[in-house]
N, C-alpha and C. Protein backbone atom coordinates (compact mmCIF):
# COMPACT_ATOMS: atom_id res chain seq x y z
N UNK A 1 18.78 -27.56 16.16
CA UNK A 1 18.48 -26.49 15.66
C UNK A 1 19.65 -25.85 14.34
N UNK A 2 18.76 -24.58 13.61
CA UNK A 2 19.52 -24.64 12.10
C UNK A 2 20.25 -23.04 12.92
N UNK A 3 21.88 -22.80 12.02
CA UNK A 3 22.65 -21.47 12.85
C UNK A 3 22.31 -21.09 11.67
N UNK A 4 21.77 -21.51 10.38
CA UNK A 4 21.94 -20.62 9.15
C UNK A 4 20.80 -19.48 9.53
N UNK A 5 20.94 -18.08 9.84
CA UNK A 5 20.28 -17.27 9.54
C UNK A 5 18.77 -16.39 8.78
N UNK A 6 19.32 -17.71 6.98
CA UNK A 6 18.81 -17.55 5.94
C UNK A 6 17.63 -18.32 6.07
N UNK A 7 17.59 -19.15 6.65
CA UNK A 7 16.80 -20.18 6.81
C UNK A 7 15.38 -19.94 7.23
N UNK A 8 14.61 -20.45 6.20
CA UNK A 8 12.90 -19.82 6.74
C UNK A 8 12.03 -21.06 7.82
N UNK A 9 11.93 -20.93 8.65
CA UNK A 9 10.94 -21.63 9.32
C UNK A 9 9.81 -22.26 8.41
N UNK A 10 9.05 -23.34 8.33
CA UNK A 10 8.26 -24.31 7.22
C UNK A 10 7.17 -23.22 8.03
N UNK A 11 6.72 -22.71 8.78
CA UNK A 11 5.04 -22.09 8.93
C UNK A 11 5.56 -20.83 8.46
N UNK A 12 6.67 -20.29 8.08
CA UNK A 12 6.55 -18.93 7.14
C UNK A 12 6.50 -18.66 6.07
N UNK A 13 7.15 -19.73 5.16
CA UNK A 13 7.52 -20.32 4.37
C UNK A 13 5.88 -20.90 3.33
N UNK A 14 5.11 -21.72 4.79
CA UNK A 14 3.51 -22.32 4.10
C UNK A 14 3.14 -20.93 4.01
N UNK A 15 2.86 -20.38 4.84
CA UNK A 15 2.44 -18.71 4.92
C UNK A 15 2.69 -18.24 3.55
N UNK A 16 3.72 -17.68 3.47
CA UNK A 16 4.50 -17.27 1.56
C UNK A 16 3.47 -17.82 0.59
N UNK A 17 4.11 -19.45 0.34
CA UNK A 17 2.92 -20.27 -0.31
C UNK A 17 1.70 -19.83 -0.89
N UNK A 18 1.20 -19.45 0.24
CA UNK A 18 -0.45 -19.43 0.76
C UNK A 18 -0.74 -18.05 -0.01
N UNK A 19 -0.40 -16.80 0.10
CA UNK A 19 -0.04 -16.16 -0.08
C UNK A 19 -0.39 -15.95 -1.61
N UNK A 20 0.68 -16.70 -2.15
CA UNK A 20 1.18 -16.41 -3.90
C UNK A 20 -0.08 -17.21 -4.31
N UNK A 21 -0.87 -18.09 -3.86
CA UNK A 21 -1.73 -19.29 -4.35
C UNK A 21 -2.56 -18.19 -4.17
N UNK A 22 -3.13 -17.44 -3.25
CA UNK A 22 -4.20 -16.82 -3.05
C UNK A 22 -4.30 -15.45 -4.38
N UNK A 23 -3.13 -14.82 -4.98
CA UNK A 23 -3.34 -14.31 -5.49
C UNK A 23 -2.88 -14.65 -6.87
N UNK A 24 -2.51 -16.03 -7.01
CA UNK A 24 -2.79 -16.36 -8.55
C UNK A 24 -4.53 -16.49 -8.50
N UNK A 25 -4.78 -16.87 -7.52
CA UNK A 25 -6.46 -17.47 -8.14
C UNK A 25 -6.88 -15.95 -8.04
N UNK A 26 -6.83 -14.99 -7.25
CA UNK A 26 -7.57 -13.55 -7.74
C UNK A 26 -6.96 -12.96 -9.37
N UNK A 27 -6.17 -13.02 -9.38
CA UNK A 27 -5.74 -12.31 -11.04
C UNK A 27 -6.24 -13.40 -11.86
N UNK A 28 -6.48 -14.76 -11.84
CA UNK A 28 -7.37 -15.56 -12.31
C UNK A 28 -8.71 -15.47 -12.67
N UNK A 29 -9.26 -15.42 -11.28
CA UNK A 29 -10.65 -14.35 -11.78
C UNK A 29 -11.17 -13.41 -12.39
N UNK A 30 -9.92 -12.10 -12.25
CA UNK A 30 -10.30 -11.08 -13.18
C UNK A 30 -10.00 -11.34 -14.29
N UNK A 31 -9.01 -12.07 -14.78
CA UNK A 31 -9.02 -13.01 -16.25
C UNK A 31 -10.03 -12.42 -16.64
N UNK A 32 -10.52 -13.89 -15.85
CA UNK A 32 -11.81 -15.04 -16.76
C UNK A 32 -13.10 -12.94 -16.77
N UNK A 33 -12.70 -12.87 -16.13
CA UNK A 33 -13.82 -12.08 -15.97
C UNK A 33 -13.85 -10.67 -16.91
N UNK A 34 -12.89 -10.28 -17.25
CA UNK A 34 -12.50 -9.78 -18.35
C UNK A 34 -12.23 -10.51 -19.94
N UNK A 35 -12.34 -11.84 -20.08
CA UNK A 35 -12.15 -11.90 -21.08
C UNK A 35 -14.10 -12.18 -21.06
N UNK A 36 -14.75 -12.31 -20.34
CA UNK A 36 -16.27 -12.37 -20.48
C UNK A 36 -16.75 -11.11 -21.44
N UNK A 37 -16.13 -9.97 -20.05
CA UNK A 37 -16.45 -9.01 -20.38
C UNK A 37 -16.54 -8.45 -22.02
N UNK A 38 -15.30 -8.71 -22.42
CA UNK A 38 -14.53 -8.43 -23.63
C UNK A 38 -15.54 -9.14 -24.90
N UNK A 39 -16.16 -10.31 -24.30
CA UNK A 39 -16.88 -11.26 -25.49
C UNK A 39 -18.30 -10.72 -25.45
N UNK A 40 -18.93 -10.14 -24.45
CA UNK A 40 -19.89 -9.80 -24.71
C UNK A 40 -19.64 -8.31 -25.16
N UNK A 41 -19.27 -7.61 -25.03
CA UNK A 41 -19.09 -6.39 -26.31
C UNK A 41 -18.90 -6.61 -27.00
N UNK A 42 -18.06 -7.43 -27.84
CA UNK A 42 -17.58 -8.02 -29.23
C UNK A 42 -19.08 -9.02 -29.70
N UNK A 43 -20.30 -9.88 -28.52
CA UNK A 43 -21.18 -9.97 -29.48
C UNK A 43 -22.39 -8.56 -29.73
N UNK A 44 -22.33 -8.05 -28.67
CA UNK A 44 -22.99 -7.12 -28.98
C UNK A 44 -22.84 -5.99 -29.83
N UNK A 45 -21.68 -5.46 -30.73
CA UNK A 45 -21.42 -4.91 -31.37
C UNK A 45 -21.43 -5.12 -33.11
N UNK A 46 -21.02 -6.72 -32.83
CA UNK A 46 -21.90 -8.02 -33.72
C UNK A 46 -22.70 -7.97 -34.51
N UNK A 47 -24.05 -8.00 -32.98
CA UNK A 47 -25.45 -7.80 -33.27
C UNK A 47 -25.70 -6.62 -34.11
N UNK A 48 -25.77 -5.61 -33.31
CA UNK A 48 -25.45 -3.74 -34.10
C UNK A 48 -24.97 -4.05 -35.06
N UNK A 49 -23.85 -4.22 -35.48
CA UNK A 49 -23.37 -4.35 -37.14
C UNK A 49 -24.50 -5.12 -38.37
N UNK A 50 -24.51 -6.24 -37.78
CA UNK A 50 -25.23 -7.04 -38.47
C UNK A 50 -27.20 -5.90 -38.83
N UNK A 51 -27.55 -5.86 -37.74
CA UNK A 51 -29.23 -4.91 -37.42
C UNK A 51 -28.67 -3.70 -38.22
N UNK A 52 -27.52 -3.12 -38.30
CA UNK A 52 -27.73 -1.48 -39.08
C UNK A 52 -27.49 -1.93 -40.67
N UNK A 53 -26.56 -3.10 -40.62
CA UNK A 53 -26.18 -3.32 -42.20
C UNK A 53 -27.95 -4.14 -42.35
N UNK A 54 -28.43 -4.70 -41.80
CA UNK A 54 -29.97 -5.37 -42.42
C UNK A 54 -31.25 -4.02 -42.28
N UNK A 55 -31.13 -2.92 -41.83
CA UNK A 55 -31.67 -2.51 -42.47
C UNK A 55 -31.35 -1.46 -43.33
N UNK A 56 -29.82 -1.31 -43.54
CA UNK A 56 -29.62 -0.12 -44.31
C UNK A 56 -29.93 -1.12 -46.02
N UNK A 57 -29.75 -2.59 -45.94
CA UNK A 57 -30.02 -3.03 -47.45
C UNK A 57 -31.34 -2.78 -47.40
N UNK A 58 -32.08 -3.09 -46.39
CA UNK A 58 -33.87 -3.08 -46.08
C UNK A 58 -34.87 -1.51 -47.01
N UNK A 59 -34.15 -0.65 -46.95
CA UNK A 59 -34.73 1.01 -47.24
C UNK A 59 -33.75 1.08 -48.92
């Protein structure tokens, strides 16, 4: 066995790696959701702006 107290067992290292990967996946999903939300807000704002400009030019 190892006499080094700082040595991690394979199971603990694997569990830490799995937690890290799951955290990255959660953040990636959140980032994609925020990107989609921002794109939708931008498209909506653009559509309202174009409609307002069109209405003002017709009057």
